[in-house]
């Protein structure tokens, strides 16, 4: 990572997936995404747009078996890339919070870029399928991301049933909370936002 430039480029190759990903935390919400899973691509484009980060993702996975490995591994690589792009986290706001409506659905997200990976995921629905995409995989994406980024991530579906709306609300509310947590706070004066002096 170049000093002062909050960007990262990563590649992850396993027996199950091959992923290349780049992120610019100070972007304008541009996204180029091709994971071989159209609905997941749609969610990642929404994430980039609402987090105001630039994102490029190419993924090849064993989607003939299941979408699970691709969705989870993209979450892992995105978390790793954001963590690398953040560097020592000097000057950031660190915490982010948002509540977001999506038609009949309401979702809440709280983030702490604490370097302590933990996710609380409170999402209860009865219909999980959007075409051939099971929105239970949304949890796997965010779990992989939270672990790799090293953040406290709390996601809650306040209410809502339509699975497309539920998934979209979760990605959008996460993106908006992430945007706040990543922002540079001019009052920090370049300090790391922790009394410990480090978030590494």
N, C-alpha and C. Protein backbone atom coordinates (compact mmCIF):
# COMPACT_ATOMS: atom_id res chain seq x y z
N UNK A 1 0.85 -1.20 0.00
CA UNK A 1 0.00 0.00 0.00
C UNK A 1 0.88 1.25 0.00
N UNK A 2 0.61 2.17 -0.91
CA UNK A 2 1.34 3.43 -0.96
C UNK A 2 0.92 4.33 0.19
N UNK A 3 1.88 5.01 0.82
CA UNK A 3 1.58 5.88 1.95
C UNK A 3 0.55 6.93 1.55
N UNK A 4 -0.47 7.05 2.35
CA UNK A 4 -1.50 8.06 2.11
C UNK A 4 -2.57 7.63 1.13
N UNK A 5 -2.38 6.48 0.48
CA UNK A 5 -3.37 5.98 -0.47
C UNK A 5 -4.04 4.75 0.12
N UNK A 6 -5.31 4.83 0.35
CA UNK A 6 -6.02 3.74 1.03
C UNK A 6 -6.58 2.77 -0.01
N UNK A 7 -5.68 2.00 -0.58
CA UNK A 7 -6.03 1.04 -1.61
C UNK A 7 -5.33 -0.28 -1.34
N UNK A 8 -5.88 -1.35 -1.89
CA UNK A 8 -5.24 -2.66 -1.78
C UNK A 8 -5.66 -3.51 -2.97
N UNK A 9 -4.75 -4.39 -3.38
CA UNK A 9 -5.00 -5.35 -4.45
C UNK A 9 -4.59 -6.73 -3.96
N UNK A 10 -5.51 -7.68 -4.02
CA UNK A 10 -5.23 -9.01 -3.48
C UNK A 10 -5.65 -10.09 -4.46
N UNK A 11 -4.99 -11.23 -4.32
CA UNK A 11 -5.37 -12.43 -5.07
C UNK A 11 -5.38 -13.61 -4.11
N UNK A 12 -6.40 -14.45 -4.23
CA UNK A 12 -6.50 -15.66 -3.40
C UNK A 12 -6.84 -16.84 -4.31
N UNK A 13 -5.98 -17.83 -4.30
CA UNK A 13 -6.20 -19.04 -5.09
C UNK A 13 -6.28 -20.25 -4.16
N UNK A 14 -7.37 -20.99 -4.26
CA UNK A 14 -7.51 -22.24 -3.51
C UNK A 14 -8.03 -23.30 -4.49
N UNK A 15 -8.18 -24.51 -3.99
CA UNK A 15 -8.75 -25.58 -4.82
C UNK A 15 -10.20 -25.31 -5.17
N UNK A 16 -10.84 -24.40 -4.42
CA UNK A 16 -12.26 -24.13 -4.61
C UNK A 16 -12.56 -22.83 -5.34
N UNK A 17 -11.70 -21.81 -5.15
CA UNK A 17 -11.95 -20.50 -5.76
C UNK A 17 -10.65 -19.83 -6.19
N UNK A 18 -10.78 -18.97 -7.18
CA UNK A 18 -9.69 -18.09 -7.60
C UNK A 18 -10.27 -16.68 -7.66
N UNK A 19 -9.73 -15.80 -6.83
CA UNK A 19 -10.32 -14.46 -6.67
C UNK A 19 -9.25 -13.39 -6.81
N UNK A 20 -9.52 -12.38 -7.60
CA UNK A 20 -8.71 -11.17 -7.63
C UNK A 20 -9.62 -10.01 -7.23
N UNK A 21 -9.12 -9.15 -6.38
CA UNK A 21 -9.95 -8.08 -5.83
C UNK A 21 -9.11 -6.85 -5.56
N UNK A 22 -9.63 -5.70 -5.92
CA UNK A 22 -8.99 -4.43 -5.58
C UNK A 22 -10.02 -3.51 -4.97
N UNK A 23 -9.56 -2.70 -4.02
CA UNK A 23 -10.46 -1.77 -3.34
C UNK A 23 -9.76 -0.44 -3.13
N UNK A 24 -10.52 0.63 -3.28
CA UNK A 24 -10.07 1.98 -2.98
C UNK A 24 -11.08 2.57 -2.01
N UNK A 25 -10.64 2.76 -0.77
CA UNK A 25 -11.56 3.21 0.28
C UNK A 25 -12.03 4.65 0.07
N UNK A 26 -11.30 5.40 -0.73
CA UNK A 26 -11.66 6.81 -0.97
C UNK A 26 -12.18 6.99 -2.40
N UNK A 27 -12.91 6.01 -2.86
CA UNK A 27 -13.45 6.05 -4.21
C UNK A 27 -14.77 6.78 -4.29
N UNK A 28 -15.49 6.50 -5.37
CA UNK A 28 -16.77 7.17 -5.63
C UNK A 28 -17.90 6.16 -5.82
N UNK A 29 -17.67 4.91 -5.44
CA UNK A 29 -18.72 3.92 -5.53
C UNK A 29 -18.76 3.14 -6.83
N UNK A 30 -17.66 3.18 -7.59
CA UNK A 30 -17.59 2.45 -8.85
C UNK A 30 -17.33 0.96 -8.58
N UNK A 31 -17.97 0.11 -9.37
CA UNK A 31 -17.79 -1.33 -9.16
C UNK A 31 -17.72 -2.05 -10.50
N UNK A 32 -16.77 -2.99 -10.57
CA UNK A 32 -16.69 -3.94 -11.69
C UNK A 32 -16.64 -5.32 -11.04
N UNK A 33 -17.71 -6.08 -11.18
CA UNK A 33 -17.85 -7.33 -10.42
C UNK A 33 -18.28 -8.46 -11.34
N UNK A 34 -17.57 -9.57 -11.24
CA UNK A 34 -17.97 -10.78 -11.96
C UNK A 34 -17.59 -11.99 -11.13
N UNK A 35 -18.56 -12.55 -10.43
CA UNK A 35 -18.31 -13.72 -9.59
C UNK A 35 -18.94 -14.99 -10.16
N UNK A 36 -19.67 -14.85 -11.27
CA UNK A 36 -20.39 -15.99 -11.80
C UNK A 36 -21.72 -16.24 -11.11
N UNK A 37 -22.08 -15.36 -10.17
CA UNK A 37 -23.34 -15.48 -9.42
C UNK A 37 -24.07 -14.15 -9.56
N UNK A 38 -25.00 -14.03 -10.49
CA UNK A 38 -25.60 -12.72 -10.80
C UNK A 38 -26.18 -11.98 -9.60
N UNK A 39 -26.92 -12.67 -8.73
CA UNK A 39 -27.51 -11.97 -7.59
C UNK A 39 -26.43 -11.46 -6.64
N UNK A 40 -25.39 -12.24 -6.43
CA UNK A 40 -24.27 -11.82 -5.57
C UNK A 40 -23.55 -10.62 -6.19
N UNK A 41 -23.37 -10.64 -7.50
CA UNK A 41 -22.78 -9.48 -8.19
C UNK A 41 -23.59 -8.22 -7.90
N UNK A 42 -24.90 -8.35 -7.98
CA UNK A 42 -25.81 -7.24 -7.71
C UNK A 42 -25.60 -6.70 -6.30
N UNK A 43 -25.45 -7.59 -5.31
CA UNK A 43 -25.24 -7.17 -3.93
C UNK A 43 -23.89 -6.46 -3.75
N UNK A 44 -22.86 -6.94 -4.41
CA UNK A 44 -21.53 -6.32 -4.29
C UNK A 44 -21.50 -4.94 -4.93
N UNK A 45 -22.21 -4.78 -6.03
CA UNK A 45 -22.31 -3.46 -6.67
C UNK A 45 -23.01 -2.48 -5.73
N UNK A 46 -24.08 -2.94 -5.08
CA UNK A 46 -24.78 -2.11 -4.11
C UNK A 46 -23.85 -1.72 -2.95
N UNK A 47 -23.08 -2.70 -2.48
CA UNK A 47 -22.15 -2.45 -1.37
C UNK A 47 -21.17 -1.34 -1.73
N UNK A 48 -20.56 -1.46 -2.90
CA UNK A 48 -19.58 -0.46 -3.32
C UNK A 48 -20.21 0.93 -3.44
N UNK A 49 -21.38 0.98 -4.04
CA UNK A 49 -22.04 2.27 -4.27
C UNK A 49 -22.39 2.97 -2.96
N UNK A 50 -22.91 2.22 -2.01
CA UNK A 50 -23.37 2.84 -0.76
C UNK A 50 -22.24 3.04 0.25
N UNK A 51 -21.16 2.28 0.13
CA UNK A 51 -19.99 2.52 0.98
C UNK A 51 -19.08 3.58 0.38
N UNK A 52 -19.35 3.98 -0.85
CA UNK A 52 -18.52 4.96 -1.57
C UNK A 52 -17.06 4.50 -1.65
N UNK A 53 -16.90 3.21 -1.94
CA UNK A 53 -15.57 2.70 -2.22
C UNK A 53 -15.58 2.11 -3.63
N UNK A 54 -14.43 2.14 -4.28
CA UNK A 54 -14.31 1.54 -5.61
C UNK A 54 -13.89 0.09 -5.44
N UNK A 55 -14.55 -0.79 -6.18
CA UNK A 55 -14.36 -2.22 -5.99
C UNK A 55 -14.29 -2.92 -7.33
N UNK A 56 -13.26 -3.75 -7.49
CA UNK A 56 -13.15 -4.64 -8.65
C UNK A 56 -13.00 -6.06 -8.12
N UNK A 57 -13.84 -6.96 -8.60
CA UNK A 57 -13.81 -8.35 -8.16
C UNK A 57 -14.00 -9.27 -9.36
N UNK A 58 -13.10 -10.22 -9.49
CA UNK A 58 -13.29 -11.33 -10.43
C UNK A 58 -13.12 -12.61 -9.64
N UNK A 59 -14.09 -13.49 -9.72
CA UNK A 59 -14.04 -14.74 -8.97
C UNK A 59 -14.44 -15.90 -9.87
N UNK A 60 -13.67 -16.96 -9.77
CA UNK A 60 -14.01 -18.22 -10.41
C UNK A 60 -14.09 -19.27 -9.31
N UNK A 61 -15.25 -19.87 -9.16
CA UNK A 61 -15.43 -20.84 -8.09
C UNK A 61 -16.16 -22.08 -8.56
N UNK A 62 -16.28 -23.03 -7.66
CA UNK A 62 -16.96 -24.28 -7.99
C UNK A 62 -18.48 -24.11 -7.87
N UNK A 63 -19.00 -23.18 -8.65
CA UNK A 63 -20.43 -22.85 -8.57
C UNK A 63 -21.31 -23.97 -9.11
N UNK A 64 -20.71 -24.93 -9.82
CA UNK A 64 -21.48 -26.09 -10.25
C UNK A 64 -21.82 -26.99 -9.06
N UNK A 65 -21.02 -26.87 -7.99
CA UNK A 65 -21.28 -27.61 -6.75
C UNK A 65 -22.25 -26.82 -5.88
N UNK A 66 -21.91 -25.55 -5.63
CA UNK A 66 -22.69 -24.70 -4.74
C UNK A 66 -22.11 -23.29 -4.86
N UNK A 67 -22.86 -22.29 -4.39
CA UNK A 67 -22.36 -20.92 -4.37
C UNK A 67 -21.59 -20.60 -3.09
N UNK A 68 -21.62 -21.51 -2.13
CA UNK A 68 -21.10 -21.23 -0.79
C UNK A 68 -19.63 -20.80 -0.80
N UNK A 69 -18.76 -21.58 -1.45
CA UNK A 69 -17.33 -21.27 -1.40
C UNK A 69 -17.02 -19.91 -2.01
N UNK A 70 -17.65 -19.59 -3.14
CA UNK A 70 -17.39 -18.31 -3.80
C UNK A 70 -17.84 -17.15 -2.94
N UNK A 71 -19.04 -17.24 -2.39
CA UNK A 71 -19.58 -16.15 -1.58
C UNK A 71 -18.72 -15.94 -0.33
N UNK A 72 -18.40 -17.01 0.37
CA UNK A 72 -17.60 -16.90 1.59
C UNK A 72 -16.20 -16.36 1.29
N UNK A 73 -15.56 -16.89 0.24
CA UNK A 73 -14.18 -16.49 -0.04
C UNK A 73 -14.09 -15.05 -0.53
N UNK A 74 -15.09 -14.57 -1.27
CA UNK A 74 -15.10 -13.15 -1.64
C UNK A 74 -15.20 -12.29 -0.38
N UNK A 75 -16.02 -12.72 0.58
CA UNK A 75 -16.10 -11.99 1.85
C UNK A 75 -14.75 -11.94 2.55
N UNK A 76 -14.04 -13.07 2.57
CA UNK A 76 -12.73 -13.12 3.20
C UNK A 76 -11.75 -12.17 2.52
N UNK A 77 -11.70 -12.22 1.19
CA UNK A 77 -10.74 -11.38 0.46
C UNK A 77 -11.09 -9.90 0.58
N UNK A 78 -12.39 -9.58 0.55
CA UNK A 78 -12.77 -8.17 0.73
C UNK A 78 -12.37 -7.68 2.12
N UNK A 79 -12.59 -8.50 3.15
CA UNK A 79 -12.16 -8.12 4.49
C UNK A 79 -10.67 -7.91 4.58
N UNK A 80 -9.89 -8.80 3.98
CA UNK A 80 -8.44 -8.66 3.97
C UNK A 80 -8.00 -7.39 3.26
N UNK A 81 -8.66 -7.09 2.14
CA UNK A 81 -8.29 -5.92 1.35
C UNK A 81 -8.61 -4.63 2.10
N UNK A 82 -9.76 -4.56 2.73
CA UNK A 82 -10.10 -3.36 3.51
C UNK A 82 -9.11 -3.18 4.65
N UNK A 83 -8.77 -4.28 5.32
CA UNK A 83 -7.81 -4.21 6.43
C UNK A 83 -6.46 -3.70 5.95
N UNK A 84 -6.00 -4.21 4.82
CA UNK A 84 -4.71 -3.76 4.28
C UNK A 84 -4.76 -2.29 3.88
N UNK A 85 -5.87 -1.90 3.24
CA UNK A 85 -6.01 -0.52 2.79
C UNK A 85 -6.07 0.46 3.96
N UNK A 86 -6.59 0.02 5.09
CA UNK A 86 -6.70 0.88 6.27
C UNK A 86 -5.35 1.15 6.94
N UNK A 87 -4.39 0.27 6.74
CA UNK A 87 -3.09 0.47 7.39
C UNK A 87 -3.23 0.46 8.90
N UNK A 88 -2.67 1.47 9.57
CA UNK A 88 -2.72 1.51 11.04
C UNK A 88 -4.01 2.16 11.57
N UNK A 89 -4.92 2.52 10.66
CA UNK A 89 -6.24 3.08 11.00
C UNK A 89 -6.15 4.47 11.63
N UNK A 90 -5.04 5.14 11.46
CA UNK A 90 -4.89 6.48 12.02
C UNK A 90 -5.92 7.43 11.41
N UNK A 91 -6.61 8.16 12.30
CA UNK A 91 -7.52 9.21 11.87
C UNK A 91 -8.92 8.79 11.53
N UNK A 92 -9.21 7.49 11.50
CA UNK A 92 -10.55 7.06 11.09
C UNK A 92 -11.57 7.26 12.23
N UNK A 93 -12.83 7.22 11.86
CA UNK A 93 -13.88 7.32 12.87
C UNK A 93 -13.99 6.03 13.68
N UNK A 94 -13.69 4.89 13.08
CA UNK A 94 -13.66 3.57 13.70
C UNK A 94 -15.04 2.94 13.85
N UNK A 95 -16.00 3.68 14.39
CA UNK A 95 -17.34 3.14 14.62
C UNK A 95 -18.30 3.60 13.52
N UNK A 96 -19.21 2.72 13.16
CA UNK A 96 -20.23 3.09 12.19
C UNK A 96 -21.57 2.49 12.59
N UNK A 97 -22.64 3.23 12.33
CA UNK A 97 -23.99 2.78 12.69
C UNK A 97 -24.96 3.29 11.64
N UNK A 98 -25.91 2.42 11.25
CA UNK A 98 -26.92 2.86 10.30
C UNK A 98 -28.16 1.99 10.44
N UNK A 99 -29.31 2.60 10.20
CA UNK A 99 -30.59 1.89 10.07
C UNK A 99 -31.12 2.21 8.68
N UNK A 100 -31.54 1.17 7.96
CA UNK A 100 -31.91 1.38 6.56
C UNK A 100 -33.21 0.66 6.21
N UNK A 101 -34.14 1.38 5.56
CA UNK A 101 -35.36 0.74 5.07
C UNK A 101 -35.19 0.25 3.63
N UNK A 102 -35.83 -0.84 3.31
CA UNK A 102 -35.92 -1.33 1.93
C UNK A 102 -37.35 -1.82 1.75
N UNK A 103 -38.20 -0.91 1.28
CA UNK A 103 -39.63 -1.20 1.19
C UNK A 103 -40.16 -1.65 2.56
N UNK A 104 -40.67 -2.88 2.67
CA UNK A 104 -41.26 -3.33 3.93
C UNK A 104 -40.21 -3.82 4.94
N UNK A 105 -38.97 -3.79 4.54
CA UNK A 105 -37.88 -4.34 5.35
C UNK A 105 -37.10 -3.23 6.05
N UNK A 106 -36.67 -3.50 7.28
CA UNK A 106 -35.83 -2.56 8.01
C UNK A 106 -34.65 -3.33 8.61
N UNK A 107 -33.43 -2.82 8.37
CA UNK A 107 -32.22 -3.49 8.86
C UNK A 107 -31.34 -2.51 9.60
N UNK A 108 -30.56 -3.06 10.54
CA UNK A 108 -29.67 -2.25 11.37
C UNK A 108 -28.27 -2.85 11.33
N UNK A 109 -27.26 -1.98 11.33
CA UNK A 109 -25.87 -2.45 11.35
C UNK A 109 -25.04 -1.54 12.25
N UNK A 110 -24.19 -2.16 13.05
CA UNK A 110 -23.22 -1.45 13.89
C UNK A 110 -21.85 -2.10 13.67
N UNK A 111 -20.83 -1.28 13.46
CA UNK A 111 -19.48 -1.77 13.18
C UNK A 111 -18.48 -1.08 14.11
N UNK A 112 -17.52 -1.85 14.57
CA UNK A 112 -16.34 -1.32 15.27
C UNK A 112 -15.12 -1.94 14.63
N UNK A 113 -14.27 -1.10 14.02
CA UNK A 113 -13.04 -1.58 13.38
C UNK A 113 -11.96 -1.76 14.44
N UNK A 114 -12.21 -2.69 15.34
CA UNK A 114 -11.46 -2.83 16.57
C UNK A 114 -10.28 -3.79 16.46
N UNK A 115 -10.18 -4.53 15.37
CA UNK A 115 -9.24 -5.64 15.21
C UNK A 115 -9.63 -6.83 16.09
N UNK A 116 -10.87 -6.85 16.55
CA UNK A 116 -11.38 -7.99 17.30
C UNK A 116 -12.55 -8.59 16.51
N UNK A 117 -12.30 -9.70 15.82
CA UNK A 117 -13.36 -10.26 14.96
C UNK A 117 -14.47 -10.91 15.74
N UNK A 118 -15.68 -10.41 15.53
CA UNK A 118 -16.87 -10.99 16.16
C UNK A 118 -18.09 -10.55 15.36
N UNK A 119 -18.98 -11.48 15.07
CA UNK A 119 -20.20 -11.11 14.37
C UNK A 119 -21.42 -11.59 15.15
N UNK A 120 -22.39 -10.71 15.28
CA UNK A 120 -23.71 -11.06 15.78
C UNK A 120 -24.68 -10.85 14.63
N UNK A 121 -25.36 -11.91 14.24
CA UNK A 121 -26.21 -11.89 13.04
C UNK A 121 -27.61 -12.33 13.45
N UNK A 122 -28.52 -11.40 13.53
CA UNK A 122 -29.89 -11.68 13.96
C UNK A 122 -30.84 -11.45 12.79
N UNK A 123 -30.98 -12.48 12.00
CA UNK A 123 -31.81 -12.40 10.79
C UNK A 123 -32.69 -13.65 10.73
N UNK A 124 -33.96 -13.47 10.89
CA UNK A 124 -34.91 -14.59 10.85
C UNK A 124 -35.91 -14.34 9.73
N UNK A 125 -35.91 -15.25 8.76
CA UNK A 125 -36.87 -15.18 7.65
C UNK A 125 -37.41 -16.59 7.41
N UNK A 126 -38.51 -16.67 6.68
CA UNK A 126 -39.08 -17.98 6.35
C UNK A 126 -38.83 -18.36 4.90
N UNK A 127 -38.57 -17.37 4.04
CA UNK A 127 -38.31 -17.62 2.62
C UNK A 127 -36.88 -17.21 2.31
N UNK A 128 -36.03 -18.16 1.92
CA UNK A 128 -34.61 -17.89 1.74
C UNK A 128 -34.17 -17.78 0.28
N UNK A 129 -35.03 -18.09 -0.66
CA UNK A 129 -34.57 -18.21 -2.03
C UNK A 129 -34.90 -16.99 -2.89
N UNK A 130 -33.86 -16.46 -3.56
CA UNK A 130 -34.02 -15.47 -4.62
C UNK A 130 -33.55 -16.16 -5.89
N UNK A 131 -34.48 -16.62 -6.69
CA UNK A 131 -34.16 -17.45 -7.85
C UNK A 131 -33.37 -18.66 -7.36
N UNK A 132 -32.08 -18.80 -7.73
CA UNK A 132 -31.30 -19.95 -7.27
C UNK A 132 -30.31 -19.57 -6.17
N UNK A 133 -30.45 -18.38 -5.60
CA UNK A 133 -29.53 -17.91 -4.56
C UNK A 133 -30.20 -18.02 -3.20
N UNK A 134 -29.57 -18.75 -2.29
CA UNK A 134 -30.08 -18.90 -0.93
C UNK A 134 -29.50 -17.78 -0.06
N UNK A 135 -30.35 -16.91 0.47
CA UNK A 135 -29.83 -15.76 1.21
C UNK A 135 -29.25 -16.15 2.57
N UNK A 136 -29.31 -17.44 2.91
CA UNK A 136 -28.55 -17.90 4.08
C UNK A 136 -27.06 -17.67 3.86
N UNK A 137 -26.63 -17.61 2.59
CA UNK A 137 -25.22 -17.37 2.27
C UNK A 137 -24.78 -15.95 2.61
N UNK A 138 -25.73 -15.05 2.79
CA UNK A 138 -25.38 -13.68 3.20
C UNK A 138 -24.62 -13.72 4.52
N UNK A 139 -25.05 -14.58 5.41
CA UNK A 139 -24.35 -14.72 6.69
C UNK A 139 -22.91 -15.19 6.49
N UNK A 140 -22.71 -16.14 5.58
CA UNK A 140 -21.36 -16.66 5.33
C UNK A 140 -20.45 -15.57 4.77
N UNK A 141 -20.99 -14.72 3.90
CA UNK A 141 -20.22 -13.60 3.36
C UNK A 141 -19.77 -12.66 4.47
N UNK A 142 -20.70 -12.26 5.31
CA UNK A 142 -20.35 -11.29 6.36
C UNK A 142 -19.49 -11.91 7.45
N UNK A 143 -19.66 -13.20 7.73
CA UNK A 143 -18.79 -13.86 8.71
C UNK A 143 -17.35 -13.89 8.21
N UNK A 144 -17.17 -14.26 6.95
CA UNK A 144 -15.84 -14.26 6.37
C UNK A 144 -15.21 -12.89 6.37
N UNK A 145 -16.01 -11.87 6.03
CA UNK A 145 -15.52 -10.50 5.99
C UNK A 145 -15.13 -10.02 7.39
N UNK A 146 -16.00 -10.25 8.38
CA UNK A 146 -15.73 -9.79 9.74
C UNK A 146 -14.47 -10.45 10.30
N UNK A 147 -14.29 -11.73 10.05
CA UNK A 147 -13.10 -12.43 10.53
C UNK A 147 -11.84 -11.88 9.90
N UNK A 148 -11.88 -11.67 8.59
CA UNK A 148 -10.68 -11.22 7.87
C UNK A 148 -10.36 -9.75 8.15
N UNK A 149 -11.39 -8.93 8.26
CA UNK A 149 -11.19 -7.51 8.55
C UNK A 149 -10.81 -7.29 10.01
N UNK A 150 -11.30 -8.16 10.89
CA UNK A 150 -11.04 -7.99 12.31
C UNK A 150 -11.92 -6.89 12.87
N UNK A 151 -13.22 -7.06 12.70
CA UNK A 151 -14.15 -6.04 13.21
C UNK A 151 -15.24 -6.69 14.03
N UNK A 152 -15.84 -5.90 14.91
CA UNK A 152 -17.11 -6.26 15.52
C UNK A 152 -18.19 -5.88 14.53
N UNK A 153 -19.02 -6.82 14.15
CA UNK A 153 -20.08 -6.56 13.19
C UNK A 153 -21.39 -7.09 13.75
N UNK A 154 -22.35 -6.19 13.92
CA UNK A 154 -23.68 -6.56 14.42
C UNK A 154 -24.70 -6.22 13.34
N UNK A 155 -25.34 -7.25 12.82
CA UNK A 155 -26.37 -7.07 11.80
C UNK A 155 -27.69 -7.62 12.32
N UNK A 156 -28.73 -6.83 12.19
CA UNK A 156 -30.04 -7.26 12.67
C UNK A 156 -31.12 -6.88 11.67
N UNK A 157 -31.95 -7.85 11.34
CA UNK A 157 -33.15 -7.59 10.57
C UNK A 157 -34.25 -7.24 11.56
N UNK A 158 -34.65 -6.00 11.56
CA UNK A 158 -35.72 -5.58 12.48
C UNK A 158 -37.04 -6.22 12.08
N UNK A 159 -37.33 -6.18 10.77
CA UNK A 159 -38.49 -6.87 10.23
C UNK A 159 -38.37 -6.90 8.71
N UNK A 160 -39.13 -7.80 8.11
CA UNK A 160 -39.09 -7.97 6.66
C UNK A 160 -39.11 -9.44 6.31
N UNK A 161 -39.68 -9.77 5.16
CA UNK A 161 -39.82 -11.17 4.77
C UNK A 161 -39.34 -11.43 3.34
N UNK A 162 -39.59 -10.52 2.41
CA UNK A 162 -39.26 -10.76 1.02
C UNK A 162 -37.75 -10.93 0.90
N UNK A 163 -37.24 -12.08 0.43
CA UNK A 163 -35.81 -12.37 0.53
C UNK A 163 -34.90 -11.44 -0.25
N UNK A 164 -35.34 -10.97 -1.40
CA UNK A 164 -34.53 -10.00 -2.14
C UNK A 164 -34.37 -8.72 -1.33
N UNK A 165 -35.45 -8.25 -0.77
CA UNK A 165 -35.41 -7.02 0.04
C UNK A 165 -34.55 -7.22 1.29
N UNK A 166 -34.64 -8.38 1.92
CA UNK A 166 -33.85 -8.65 3.12
C UNK A 166 -32.37 -8.62 2.80
N UNK A 167 -31.95 -9.34 1.76
CA UNK A 167 -30.54 -9.38 1.39
C UNK A 167 -30.04 -8.00 1.00
N UNK A 168 -30.83 -7.28 0.20
CA UNK A 168 -30.43 -5.96 -0.25
C UNK A 168 -30.32 -4.99 0.92
N UNK A 169 -31.25 -5.05 1.84
CA UNK A 169 -31.19 -4.18 3.02
C UNK A 169 -29.94 -4.46 3.84
N UNK A 170 -29.57 -5.72 3.99
CA UNK A 170 -28.39 -6.07 4.79
C UNK A 170 -27.11 -5.58 4.13
N UNK A 171 -26.99 -5.75 2.83
CA UNK A 171 -25.79 -5.26 2.14
C UNK A 171 -25.72 -3.73 2.16
N UNK A 172 -26.85 -3.09 1.95
CA UNK A 172 -26.85 -1.62 1.93
C UNK A 172 -26.58 -1.04 3.32
N UNK A 173 -27.21 -1.62 4.35
CA UNK A 173 -27.01 -1.05 5.69
C UNK A 173 -25.57 -1.28 6.15
N UNK A 174 -25.01 -2.44 5.81
CA UNK A 174 -23.60 -2.66 6.11
C UNK A 174 -22.73 -1.64 5.40
N UNK A 175 -23.00 -1.40 4.13
CA UNK A 175 -22.21 -0.45 3.36
C UNK A 175 -22.25 0.95 3.96
N UNK A 176 -23.43 1.37 4.38
CA UNK A 176 -23.56 2.72 4.95
C UNK A 176 -22.84 2.83 6.30
N UNK A 177 -22.93 1.80 7.13
CA UNK A 177 -22.23 1.83 8.40
C UNK A 177 -20.72 1.76 8.18
N UNK A 178 -20.30 0.93 7.21
CA UNK A 178 -18.88 0.84 6.89
C UNK A 178 -18.34 2.18 6.42
N UNK A 179 -19.09 2.85 5.58
CA UNK A 179 -18.67 4.17 5.08
C UNK A 179 -18.36 5.12 6.22
N UNK A 180 -19.22 5.15 7.23
CA UNK A 180 -19.00 6.03 8.38
C UNK A 180 -17.74 5.62 9.13
N UNK A 181 -17.56 4.33 9.37
CA UNK A 181 -16.42 3.87 10.16
C UNK A 181 -15.09 4.11 9.46
N UNK A 182 -15.08 4.11 8.13
CA UNK A 182 -13.86 4.29 7.35
C UNK A 182 -13.47 5.77 7.17
N UNK A 183 -14.43 6.66 7.39
CA UNK A 183 -14.17 8.08 7.13
C UNK A 183 -13.07 8.63 8.03
N UNK A 184 -12.32 9.56 7.47
CA UNK A 184 -11.31 10.28 8.25
C UNK A 184 -12.00 11.35 9.07
N UNK A 185 -11.75 11.35 10.37
CA UNK A 185 -12.31 12.34 11.29
C UNK A 185 -11.27 13.44 11.49
N UNK A 186 -11.52 14.65 10.98
CA UNK A 186 -10.51 15.70 11.09
C UNK A 186 -10.15 16.05 12.53
N UNK A 187 -11.04 15.78 13.46
CA UNK A 187 -10.76 16.10 14.87
C UNK A 187 -9.79 15.09 15.50
N UNK A 188 -9.59 13.95 14.85
CA UNK A 188 -8.64 12.98 15.38
C UNK A 188 -7.19 13.46 15.23
N UNK A 189 -6.97 14.36 14.27
CA UNK A 189 -5.60 14.87 14.07
C UNK A 189 -4.62 13.78 13.69
N UNK A 190 -5.12 12.75 12.97
CA UNK A 190 -4.23 11.69 12.54
C UNK A 190 -3.93 10.65 13.59
N UNK A 191 -4.57 10.75 14.75
CA UNK A 191 -4.32 9.76 15.80
C UNK A 191 -5.14 8.49 15.55
N UNK A 192 -4.66 7.38 16.09
CA UNK A 192 -5.42 6.15 16.08
C UNK A 192 -6.54 6.28 17.12
N UNK A 193 -7.80 6.00 16.76
CA UNK A 193 -8.91 6.20 17.69
C UNK A 193 -9.02 5.11 18.74
N UNK A 194 -8.04 5.06 19.63
CA UNK A 194 -8.03 4.09 20.72
C UNK A 194 -7.15 4.60 21.82
N UNK A 195 -7.57 4.42 23.08
CA UNK A 195 -6.71 4.81 24.20
C UNK A 195 -5.50 3.89 24.33
N UNK A 196 -5.55 2.74 23.66
CA UNK A 196 -4.39 1.85 23.65
C UNK A 196 -3.26 2.39 22.77
N UNK A 197 -3.65 3.25 21.82
CA UNK A 197 -2.68 3.79 20.88
C UNK A 197 -2.49 2.93 19.64
N UNK A 198 -3.22 1.81 19.57
CA UNK A 198 -3.11 0.94 18.40
C UNK A 198 -4.42 0.19 18.19
N UNK A 199 -4.73 -0.06 16.93
CA UNK A 199 -5.83 -0.95 16.56
C UNK A 199 -5.29 -2.03 15.62
N UNK A 200 -4.01 -2.32 15.76
CA UNK A 200 -3.36 -3.32 14.90
C UNK A 200 -3.44 -4.69 15.54
